[in-house]
Amino acid sequence: SSFRGIVLAADEGIAIAKALGQKKAAL
């Protein structure tokens, strides 16, 4: 739920990967 709108920012990708954790899907 923390999407900031800049998908090309490295920190955004890292935050998404962290939120995904070991799960197979993310909204």
mmCIF file of all heavy atoms, coordinates in Angstrom:
data_MODEL
# 
_entry.id   MODEL 
# 
loop_
_atom_site.group_PDB 
_atom_site.id 
_atom_site.type_symbol 
_atom_site.label_atom_id 
_atom_site.label_alt_id 
_atom_site.label_comp_id 
_atom_site.label_asym_id 
_atom_site.label_entity_id 
_atom_site.label_seq_id 
_atom_site.pdbx_PDB_ins_code 
_atom_site.Cartn_x 
_atom_site.Cartn_y 
_atom_site.Cartn_z 
_atom_site.occupancy 
_atom_site.B_iso_or_equiv 
_atom_site.pdbx_formal_charge 
_atom_site.auth_seq_id 
_atom_site.auth_comp_id 
_atom_site.auth_asym_id 
_atom_site.auth_atom_id 
_atom_site.pdbx_PDB_model_num 
ATOM 1   N N   . SER A 1 1  ? 0.805  -1.227  0.000   1.00 0.00 ? 1  SER A N   1 
ATOM 2   C CA  . SER A 1 1  ? 0.000  0.000   0.000   1.00 0.00 ? 1  SER A CA  1 
ATOM 3   C C   . SER A 1 1  ? 0.836  1.275   0.000   1.00 0.00 ? 1  SER A C   1 
ATOM 4   O O   . SER A 1 1  ? 0.289  2.363   0.121   1.00 0.00 ? 1  SER A O   1 
ATOM 5   C CB  . SER A 1 1  ? -0.938 0.001   1.215   1.00 0.00 ? 1  SER A CB  1 
ATOM 6   O OG  . SER A 1 1  ? -0.185 -0.091  2.404   1.00 0.00 ? 1  SER A OG  1 
ATOM 7   N N   . SER A 1 2  ? 2.140  1.140   -0.174  1.00 0.00 ? 2  SER A N   1 
ATOM 8   C CA  . SER A 1 2  ? 3.018  2.314   -0.093  1.00 0.00 ? 2  SER A CA  1 
ATOM 9   C C   . SER A 1 2  ? 3.507  2.792   -1.449  1.00 0.00 ? 2  SER A C   1 
ATOM 10  O O   . SER A 1 2  ? 4.499  3.507   -1.526  1.00 0.00 ? 2  SER A O   1 
ATOM 11  C CB  . SER A 1 2  ? 4.232  1.981   0.782   1.00 0.00 ? 2  SER A CB  1 
ATOM 12  O OG  . SER A 1 2  ? 3.822  1.587   2.064   1.00 0.00 ? 2  SER A OG  1 
ATOM 13  N N   . PHE A 1 3  ? 2.846  2.418   -2.530  1.00 0.00 ? 3  PHE A N   1 
ATOM 14  C CA  . PHE A 1 3  ? 3.299  2.797   -3.866  1.00 0.00 ? 3  PHE A CA  1 
ATOM 15  C C   . PHE A 1 3  ? 3.345  4.313   -4.002  1.00 0.00 ? 3  PHE A C   1 
ATOM 16  O O   . PHE A 1 3  ? 2.382  5.008   -3.722  1.00 0.00 ? 3  PHE A O   1 
ATOM 17  C CB  . PHE A 1 3  ? 2.367  2.190   -4.927  1.00 0.00 ? 3  PHE A CB  1 
ATOM 18  C CG  . PHE A 1 3  ? 2.762  2.533   -6.333  1.00 0.00 ? 3  PHE A CG  1 
ATOM 19  C CD1 . PHE A 1 3  ? 3.982  2.124   -6.838  1.00 0.00 ? 3  PHE A CD1 1 
ATOM 20  C CD2 . PHE A 1 3  ? 1.928  3.267   -7.143  1.00 0.00 ? 3  PHE A CD2 1 
ATOM 21  C CE1 . PHE A 1 3  ? 4.347  2.437   -8.137  1.00 0.00 ? 3  PHE A CE1 1 
ATOM 22  C CE2 . PHE A 1 3  ? 2.281  3.584   -8.434  1.00 0.00 ? 3  PHE A CE2 1 
ATOM 23  C CZ  . PHE A 1 3  ? 3.493  3.173   -8.934  1.00 0.00 ? 3  PHE A CZ  1 
ATOM 24  N N   . ARG A 1 4  ? 4.503  4.808   -4.438  1.00 0.00 ? 4  ARG A N   1 
ATOM 25  C CA  . ARG A 1 4  ? 4.709  6.251   -4.552  1.00 0.00 ? 4  ARG A CA  1 
ATOM 26  C C   . ARG A 1 4  ? 4.665  6.745   -5.987  1.00 0.00 ? 4  ARG A C   1 
ATOM 27  O O   . ARG A 1 4  ? 4.864  7.923   -6.247  1.00 0.00 ? 4  ARG A O   1 
ATOM 28  C CB  . ARG A 1 4  ? 6.027  6.640   -3.901  1.00 0.00 ? 4  ARG A CB  1 
ATOM 29  C CG  . ARG A 1 4  ? 5.990  6.422   -2.389  1.00 0.00 ? 4  ARG A CG  1 
ATOM 30  C CD  . ARG A 1 4  ? 7.351  6.588   -1.815  1.00 0.00 ? 4  ARG A CD  1 
ATOM 31  N NE  . ARG A 1 4  ? 8.162  5.486   -2.330  1.00 0.00 ? 4  ARG A NE  1 
ATOM 32  C CZ  . ARG A 1 4  ? 9.160  4.922   -1.692  1.00 0.00 ? 4  ARG A CZ  1 
ATOM 33  N NH1 . ARG A 1 4  ? 9.524  5.370   -0.530  1.00 0.00 ? 4  ARG A NH1 1 
ATOM 34  N NH2 . ARG A 1 4  ? 9.828  3.918   -2.214  1.00 0.00 ? 4  ARG A NH2 1 
ATOM 35  N N   . GLY A 1 5  ? 4.471  5.826   -6.940  1.00 0.00 ? 5  GLY A N   1 
ATOM 36  C CA  . GLY A 1 5  ? 4.278  6.245   -8.323  1.00 0.00 ? 5  GLY A CA  1 
ATOM 37  C C   . GLY A 1 5  ? 5.510  6.283   -9.195  1.00 0.00 ? 5  GLY A C   1 
ATOM 38  O O   . GLY A 1 5  ? 5.406  6.548   -10.383 1.00 0.00 ? 5  GLY A O   1 
ATOM 39  N N   . ILE A 1 6  ? 6.684  6.021   -8.657  1.00 0.00 ? 6  ILE A N   1 
ATOM 40  C CA  . ILE A 1 6  ? 7.911  6.072   -9.463  1.00 0.00 ? 6  ILE A CA  1 
ATOM 41  C C   . ILE A 1 6  ? 8.474  4.660   -9.562  1.00 0.00 ? 6  ILE A C   1 
ATOM 42  O O   . ILE A 1 6  ? 9.255  4.219   -8.722  1.00 0.00 ? 6  ILE A O   1 
ATOM 43  C CB  . ILE A 1 6  ? 8.950  7.043   -8.864  1.00 0.00 ? 6  ILE A CB  1 
ATOM 44  C CG1 . ILE A 1 6  ? 8.321  8.423   -8.682  1.00 0.00 ? 6  ILE A CG1 1 
ATOM 45  C CG2 . ILE A 1 6  ? 10.182 7.112   -9.754  1.00 0.00 ? 6  ILE A CG2 1 
ATOM 46  C CD1 . ILE A 1 6  ? 9.192  9.419   -7.974  1.00 0.00 ? 6  ILE A CD1 1 
ATOM 47  N N   . VAL A 1 7  ? 8.049  3.935   -10.598 1.00 0.00 ? 7  VAL A N   1 
ATOM 48  C CA  . VAL A 1 7  ? 8.428  2.523   -10.707 1.00 0.00 ? 7  VAL A CA  1 
ATOM 49  C C   . VAL A 1 7  ? 9.881  2.333   -11.110 1.00 0.00 ? 7  VAL A C   1 
ATOM 50  O O   . VAL A 1 7  ? 10.429 1.247   -10.954 1.00 0.00 ? 7  VAL A O   1 
ATOM 51  C CB  . VAL A 1 7  ? 7.523  1.765   -11.693 1.00 0.00 ? 7  VAL A CB  1 
ATOM 52  C CG1 . VAL A 1 7  ? 6.102  1.720   -11.181 1.00 0.00 ? 7  VAL A CG1 1 
ATOM 53  C CG2 . VAL A 1 7  ? 7.592  2.365   -13.083 1.00 0.00 ? 7  VAL A CG2 1 
ATOM 54  N N   . LEU A 1 8  ? 10.527 3.346   -11.631 1.00 0.00 ? 8  LEU A N   1 
ATOM 55  C CA  . LEU A 1 8  ? 11.921 3.211   -12.030 1.00 0.00 ? 8  LEU A CA  1 
ATOM 56  C C   . LEU A 1 8  ? 12.894 3.550   -10.905 1.00 0.00 ? 8  LEU A C   1 
ATOM 57  O O   . LEU A 1 8  ? 14.096 3.496   -11.087 1.00 0.00 ? 8  LEU A O   1 
ATOM 58  C CB  . LEU A 1 8  ? 12.212 4.070   -13.267 1.00 0.00 ? 8  LEU A CB  1 
ATOM 59  C CG  . LEU A 1 8  ? 11.425 3.668   -14.521 1.00 0.00 ? 8  LEU A CG  1 
ATOM 60  C CD1 . LEU A 1 8  ? 11.758 4.589   -15.673 1.00 0.00 ? 8  LEU A CD1 1 
ATOM 61  C CD2 . LEU A 1 8  ? 11.678 2.219   -14.885 1.00 0.00 ? 8  LEU A CD2 1 
ATOM 62  N N   . ALA A 1 9  ? 12.380 3.890   -9.745  1.00 0.00 ? 9  ALA A N   1 
ATOM 63  C CA  . ALA A 1 9  ? 13.234 4.175   -8.597  1.00 0.00 ? 9  ALA A CA  1 
ATOM 64  C C   . ALA A 1 9  ? 13.640 2.856   -7.933  1.00 0.00 ? 9  ALA A C   1 
ATOM 65  O O   . ALA A 1 9  ? 12.796 2.011   -7.657  1.00 0.00 ? 9  ALA A O   1 
ATOM 66  C CB  . ALA A 1 9  ? 12.505 5.069   -7.598  1.00 0.00 ? 9  ALA A CB  1 
ATOM 67  N N   . ALA A 1 10 ? 14.936 2.697   -7.689  1.00 0.00 ? 10 ALA A N   1 
ATOM 68  C CA  . ALA A 1 10 ? 15.448 1.450   -7.099  1.00 0.00 ? 10 ALA A CA  1 
ATOM 69  C C   . ALA A 1 10 ? 14.815 1.176   -5.742  1.00 0.00 ? 10 ALA A C   1 
ATOM 70  O O   . ALA A 1 10 ? 14.478 0.029   -5.425  1.00 0.00 ? 10 ALA A O   1 
ATOM 71  C CB  . ALA A 1 10 ? 16.967 1.518   -6.978  1.00 0.00 ? 10 ALA A CB  1 
ATOM 72  N N   . ASP A 1 11 ? 14.626 2.219   -4.938  1.00 0.00 ? 11 ASP A N   1 
ATOM 73  C CA  . ASP A 1 11 ? 14.071 2.001   -3.598  1.00 0.00 ? 11 ASP A CA  1 
ATOM 74  C C   . ASP A 1 11 ? 12.619 1.531   -3.645  1.00 0.00 ? 11 ASP A C   1 
ATOM 75  O O   . ASP A 1 11 ? 12.164 0.790   -2.774  1.00 0.00 ? 11 ASP A O   1 
ATOM 76  C CB  . ASP A 1 11 ? 14.216 3.243   -2.718  1.00 0.00 ? 11 ASP A CB  1 
ATOM 77  C CG  . ASP A 1 11 ? 13.523 4.468   -3.270  1.00 0.00 ? 11 ASP A CG  1 
ATOM 78  O OD1 . ASP A 1 11 ? 13.346 4.570   -4.494  1.00 0.00 ? 11 ASP A OD1 1 
ATOM 79  O OD2 . ASP A 1 11 ? 13.169 5.351   -2.464  1.00 0.00 ? 11 ASP A OD2 1 
ATOM 80  N N   . GLU A 1 12 ? 11.880 1.907   -4.688  1.00 0.00 ? 12 GLU A N   1 
ATOM 81  C CA  . GLU A 1 12 ? 10.499 1.442   -4.831  1.00 0.00 ? 12 GLU A CA  1 
ATOM 82  C C   . GLU A 1 12 ? 10.481 -0.061  -5.106  1.00 0.00 ? 12 GLU A C   1 
ATOM 83  O O   . GLU A 1 12 ? 9.711  -0.804  -4.502  1.00 0.00 ? 12 GLU A O   1 
ATOM 84  C CB  . GLU A 1 12 ? 9.781  2.177   -5.971  1.00 0.00 ? 12 GLU A CB  1 
ATOM 85  C CG  . GLU A 1 12 ? 8.319  1.847   -6.091  1.00 0.00 ? 12 GLU A CG  1 
ATOM 86  C CD  . GLU A 1 12 ? 7.479  2.432   -4.966  1.00 0.00 ? 12 GLU A CD  1 
ATOM 87  O OE1 . GLU A 1 12 ? 7.851  3.472   -4.396  1.00 0.00 ? 12 GLU A OE1 1 
ATOM 88  O OE2 . GLU A 1 12 ? 6.448  1.831   -4.657  1.00 0.00 ? 12 GLU A OE2 1 
ATOM 89  N N   . GLY A 1 13 ? 11.344 -0.528  -5.988  1.00 0.00 ? 13 GLY A N   1 
ATOM 90  C CA  . GLY A 1 13 ? 11.442 -1.956  -6.271  1.00 0.00 ? 13 GLY A CA  1 
ATOM 91  C C   . GLY A 1 13 ? 11.851 -2.758  -5.046  1.00 0.00 ? 13 GLY A C   1 
ATOM 92  O O   . GLY A 1 13 ? 11.296 -3.830  -4.775  1.00 0.00 ? 13 GLY A O   1 
ATOM 93  N N   . ILE A 1 14 ? 12.783 -2.249  -4.290  1.00 0.00 ? 14 ILE A N   1 
ATOM 94  C CA  . ILE A 1 14 ? 13.241 -2.925  -3.073  1.00 0.00 ? 14 ILE A CA  1 
ATOM 95  C C   . ILE A 1 14 ? 12.107 -3.003  -2.049  1.00 0.00 ? 14 ILE A C   1 
ATOM 96  O O   . ILE A 1 14 ? 11.909 -4.031  -1.405  1.00 0.00 ? 14 ILE A O   1 
ATOM 97  C CB  . ILE A 1 14 ? 14.479 -2.207  -2.487  1.00 0.00 ? 14 ILE A CB  1 
ATOM 98  C CG1 . ILE A 1 14 ? 15.673 -2.400  -3.431  1.00 0.00 ? 14 ILE A CG1 1 
ATOM 99  C CG2 . ILE A 1 14 ? 14.808 -2.700  -1.087  1.00 0.00 ? 14 ILE A CG2 1 
ATOM 100 C CD1 . ILE A 1 14 ? 16.853 -1.495  -3.134  1.00 0.00 ? 14 ILE A CD1 1 
ATOM 101 N N   . ALA A 1 15 ? 11.338 -1.928  -1.922  1.00 0.00 ? 15 ALA A N   1 
ATOM 102 C CA  . ALA A 1 15 ? 10.215 -1.919  -0.978  1.00 0.00 ? 15 ALA A CA  1 
ATOM 103 C C   . ALA A 1 15 ? 9.136  -2.922  -1.395  1.00 0.00 ? 15 ALA A C   1 
ATOM 104 O O   . ALA A 1 15 ? 8.551  -3.608  -0.546  1.00 0.00 ? 15 ALA A O   1 
ATOM 105 C CB  . ALA A 1 15 ? 9.627  -0.511  -0.877  1.00 0.00 ? 15 ALA A CB  1 
ATOM 106 N N   . ILE A 1 16 ? 8.878  -3.039  -2.683  1.00 0.00 ? 16 ILE A N   1 
ATOM 107 C CA  . ILE A 1 16 ? 7.896  -4.006  -3.177  1.00 0.00 ? 16 ILE A CA  1 
ATOM 108 C C   . ILE A 1 16 ? 8.387  -5.421  -2.917  1.00 0.00 ? 16 ILE A C   1 
ATOM 109 O O   . ILE A 1 16 ? 7.635  -6.276  -2.444  1.00 0.00 ? 16 ILE A O   1 
ATOM 110 C CB  . ILE A 1 16 ? 7.591  -3.778  -4.669  1.00 0.00 ? 16 ILE A CB  1 
ATOM 111 C CG1 . ILE A 1 16 ? 6.809  -2.468  -4.836  1.00 0.00 ? 16 ILE A CG1 1 
ATOM 112 C CG2 . ILE A 1 16 ? 6.839  -4.955  -5.277  1.00 0.00 ? 16 ILE A CG2 1 
ATOM 113 C CD1 . ILE A 1 16 ? 6.638  -2.009  -6.266  1.00 0.00 ? 16 ILE A CD1 1 
ATOM 114 N N   . ALA A 1 17 ? 9.658  -5.691  -3.209  1.00 0.00 ? 17 ALA A N   1 
ATOM 115 C CA  . ALA A 1 17 ? 10.224 -7.023  -2.959  1.00 0.00 ? 17 ALA A CA  1 
ATOM 116 C C   . ALA A 1 17 ? 10.159 -7.370  -1.478  1.00 0.00 ? 17 ALA A C   1 
ATOM 117 O O   . ALA A 1 17 ? 9.861  -8.517  -1.115  1.00 0.00 ? 17 ALA A O   1 
ATOM 118 C CB  . ALA A 1 17 ? 11.663 -7.086  -3.460  1.00 0.00 ? 17 ALA A CB  1 
ATOM 119 N N   . LYS A 1 18 ? 10.411 -6.403  -0.626  1.00 0.00 ? 18 LYS A N   1 
ATOM 120 C CA  . LYS A 1 18 ? 10.336 -6.639  0.822   1.00 0.00 ? 18 LYS A CA  1 
ATOM 121 C C   . LYS A 1 18 ? 8.909  -6.950  1.247   1.00 0.00 ? 18 LYS A C   1 
ATOM 122 O O   . LYS A 1 18 ? 8.667  -7.856  2.038   1.00 0.00 ? 18 LYS A O   1 
ATOM 123 C CB  . LYS A 1 18 ? 10.870 -5.421  1.580   1.00 0.00 ? 18 LYS A CB  1 
ATOM 124 C CG  . LYS A 1 18 ? 10.901 -5.612  3.076   1.00 0.00 ? 18 LYS A CG  1 
ATOM 125 C CD  . LYS A 1 18 ? 11.506 -4.403  3.770   1.00 0.00 ? 18 LYS A CD  1 
ATOM 126 C CE  . LYS A 1 18 ? 11.500 -4.616  5.275   1.00 0.00 ? 18 LYS A CE  1 
ATOM 127 N NZ  . LYS A 1 18 ? 12.039 -3.459  5.981   1.00 0.00 ? 18 LYS A NZ  1 
ATOM 128 N N   . ALA A 1 19 ? 7.941  -6.215  0.703   1.00 0.00 ? 19 ALA A N   1 
ATOM 129 C CA  . ALA A 1 19 ? 6.535  -6.460  1.035   1.00 0.00 ? 19 ALA A CA  1 
ATOM 130 C C   . ALA A 1 19 ? 6.086  -7.829  0.524   1.00 0.00 ? 19 ALA A C   1 
ATOM 131 O O   . ALA A 1 19 ? 5.324  -8.526  1.190   1.00 0.00 ? 19 ALA A O   1 
ATOM 132 C CB  . ALA A 1 19 ? 5.660  -5.365  0.435   1.00 0.00 ? 19 ALA A CB  1 
ATOM 133 N N   . LEU A 1 20 ? 6.575  -8.226  -0.641  1.00 0.00 ? 20 LEU A N   1 
ATOM 134 C CA  . LEU A 1 20 ? 6.247  -9.535  -1.203  1.00 0.00 ? 20 LEU A CA  1 
ATOM 135 C C   . LEU A 1 20 ? 6.775  -10.650 -0.315  1.00 0.00 ? 20 LEU A C   1 
ATOM 136 O O   . LEU A 1 20 ? 6.090  -11.649 -0.083  1.00 0.00 ? 20 LEU A O   1 
ATOM 137 C CB  . LEU A 1 20 ? 6.822  -9.670  -2.617  1.00 0.00 ? 20 LEU A CB  1 
ATOM 138 C CG  . LEU A 1 20 ? 6.648  -11.020 -3.311  1.00 0.00 ? 20 LEU A CG  1 
ATOM 139 C CD1 . LEU A 1 20 ? 5.178  -11.306 -3.586  1.00 0.00 ? 20 LEU A CD1 1 
ATOM 140 C CD2 . LEU A 1 20 ? 7.457  -11.043 -4.605  1.00 0.00 ? 20 LEU A CD2 1 
ATOM 141 N N   . GLY A 1 21 ? 7.968  -10.462 0.219   1.00 0.00 ? 21 GLY A N   1 
ATOM 142 C CA  . GLY A 1 21 ? 8.569  -11.482 1.072   1.00 0.00 ? 21 GLY A CA  1 
ATOM 143 C C   . GLY A 1 21 ? 8.672  -12.813 0.357   1.00 0.00 ? 21 GLY A C   1 
ATOM 144 O O   . GLY A 1 21 ? 9.120  -12.875 -0.773  1.00 0.00 ? 21 GLY A O   1 
ATOM 145 N N   . GLN A 1 22 ? 8.215  -13.875 0.992   1.00 0.00 ? 22 GLN A N   1 
ATOM 146 C CA  . GLN A 1 22 ? 8.271  -15.219 0.406   1.00 0.00 ? 22 GLN A CA  1 
ATOM 147 C C   . GLN A 1 22 ? 6.954  -15.617 -0.260  1.00 0.00 ? 22 GLN A C   1 
ATOM 148 O O   . GLN A 1 22 ? 6.771  -16.771 -0.632  1.00 0.00 ? 22 GLN A O   1 
ATOM 149 C CB  . GLN A 1 22 ? 8.647  -16.235 1.486   1.00 0.00 ? 22 GLN A CB  1 
ATOM 150 C CG  . GLN A 1 22 ? 10.049 -16.051 2.046   1.00 0.00 ? 22 GLN A CG  1 
ATOM 151 C CD  . GLN A 1 22 ? 11.101 -16.176 0.952   1.00 0.00 ? 22 GLN A CD  1 
ATOM 152 O OE1 . GLN A 1 22 ? 11.136 -17.149 0.208   1.00 0.00 ? 22 GLN A OE1 1 
ATOM 153 N NE2 . GLN A 1 22 ? 11.947 -15.170 0.835   1.00 0.00 ? 22 GLN A NE2 1 
ATOM 154 N N   . LYS A 1 23 ? 6.060  -14.668 -0.437  1.00 0.00 ? 23 LYS A N   1 
ATOM 155 C CA  . LYS A 1 23 ? 4.755  -14.962 -1.032  1.00 0.00 ? 23 LYS A CA  1 
ATOM 156 C C   . LYS A 1 23 ? 4.853  -15.038 -2.555  1.00 0.00 ? 23 LYS A C   1 
ATOM 157 O O   . LYS A 1 23 ? 5.827  -14.590 -3.143  1.00 0.00 ? 23 LYS A O   1 
ATOM 158 C CB  . LYS A 1 23 ? 3.748  -13.912 -0.597  1.00 0.00 ? 23 LYS A CB  1 
ATOM 159 C CG  . LYS A 1 23 ? 3.545  -13.902 0.922   1.00 0.00 ? 23 LYS A CG  1 
ATOM 160 C CD  . LYS A 1 23 ? 2.540  -12.881 1.342   1.00 0.00 ? 23 LYS A CD  1 
ATOM 161 C CE  . LYS A 1 23 ? 2.369  -12.733 2.827   1.00 0.00 ? 23 LYS A CE  1 
ATOM 162 N NZ  . LYS A 1 23 ? 2.299  -13.882 3.633   1.00 0.00 ? 23 LYS A NZ  1 
ATOM 163 N N   . LYS A 1 24 ? 3.819  -15.613 -3.193  1.00 0.00 ? 24 LYS A N   1 
ATOM 164 C CA  . LYS A 1 24 ? 3.832  -15.781 -4.642  1.00 0.00 ? 24 LYS A CA  1 
ATOM 165 C C   . LYS A 1 24 ? 3.126  -14.653 -5.388  1.00 0.00 ? 24 LYS A C   1 
ATOM 166 O O   . LYS A 1 24 ? 3.189  -14.589 -6.607  1.00 0.00 ? 24 LYS A O   1 
ATOM 167 C CB  . LYS A 1 24 ? 3.216  -17.122 -5.031  1.00 0.00 ? 24 LYS A CB  1 
ATOM 168 C CG  . LYS A 1 24 ? 1.730  -17.257 -4.752  1.00 0.00 ? 24 LYS A CG  1 
ATOM 169 C CD  . LYS A 1 24 ? 1.222  -18.622 -5.168  1.00 0.00 ? 24 LYS A CD  1 
ATOM 170 C CE  . LYS A 1 24 ? -0.144 -18.895 -4.599  1.00 0.00 ? 24 LYS A CE  1 
ATOM 171 N NZ  . LYS A 1 24 ? -0.278 -20.284 -4.197  1.00 0.00 ? 24 LYS A NZ  1 
ATOM 172 N N   . ALA A 1 25 ? 2.457  -13.767 -4.661  1.00 0.00 ? 25 ALA A N   1 
ATOM 173 C CA  . ALA A 1 25 ? 1.713  -12.704 -5.329  1.00 0.00 ? 25 ALA A CA  1 
ATOM 174 C C   . ALA A 1 25 ? 1.638  -11.457 -4.460  1.00 0.00 ? 25 ALA A C   1 
ATOM 175 O O   . ALA A 1 25 ? 1.770  -11.525 -3.241  1.00 0.00 ? 25 ALA A O   1 
ATOM 176 C CB  . ALA A 1 25 ? 0.297  -13.184 -5.650  1.00 0.00 ? 25 ALA A CB  1 
ATOM 177 N N   . ALA A 1 26 ? 1.435  -10.334 -5.137  1.00 0.00 ? 26 ALA A N   1 
ATOM 178 C CA  . ALA A 1 26 ? 1.247  -9.066  -4.426  1.00 0.00 ? 26 ALA A CA  1 
ATOM 179 C C   . ALA A 1 26 ? 0.239  -8.210  -5.161  1.00 0.00 ? 26 ALA A C   1 
ATOM 180 O O   . ALA A 1 26 ? 0.201  -8.186  -6.399  1.00 0.00 ? 26 ALA A O   1 
ATOM 181 C CB  . ALA A 1 26 ? 2.568  -8.312  -4.294  1.00 0.00 ? 26 ALA A CB  1 
ATOM 182 N N   . LEU A 1 27 ? -0.577 -7.533  -4.388  1.00 0.00 ? 27 LEU A N   1 
ATOM 183 C CA  . LEU A 1 27 ? -1.481 -6.509  -4.903  1.00 0.00 ? 27 LEU A CA  1 
ATOM 184 C C   . LEU A 1 27 ? -0.786 -5.175  -4.658  1.00 0.00 ? 27 LEU A C   1 
ATOM 185 O O   . LEU A 1 27 ? -0.505 -4.819  -3.512  1.00 0.00 ? 27 LEU A O   1 
ATOM 186 C CB  . LEU A 1 27 ? -2.816 -6.547  -4.154  1.00 0.00 ? 27 LEU A CB  1 
ATOM 187 C CG  . LEU A 1 27 ? -3.569 -7.877  -4.187  1.00 0.00 ? 27 LEU A CG  1 
ATOM 188 C CD1 . LEU A 1 27 ? -4.745 -7.846  -3.208  1.00 0.00 ? 27 LEU A CD1 1 
ATOM 189 C CD2 . LEU A 1 27 ? -4.032 -8.190  -5.583  1.00 0.00 ? 27 LEU A CD2 1 
# 
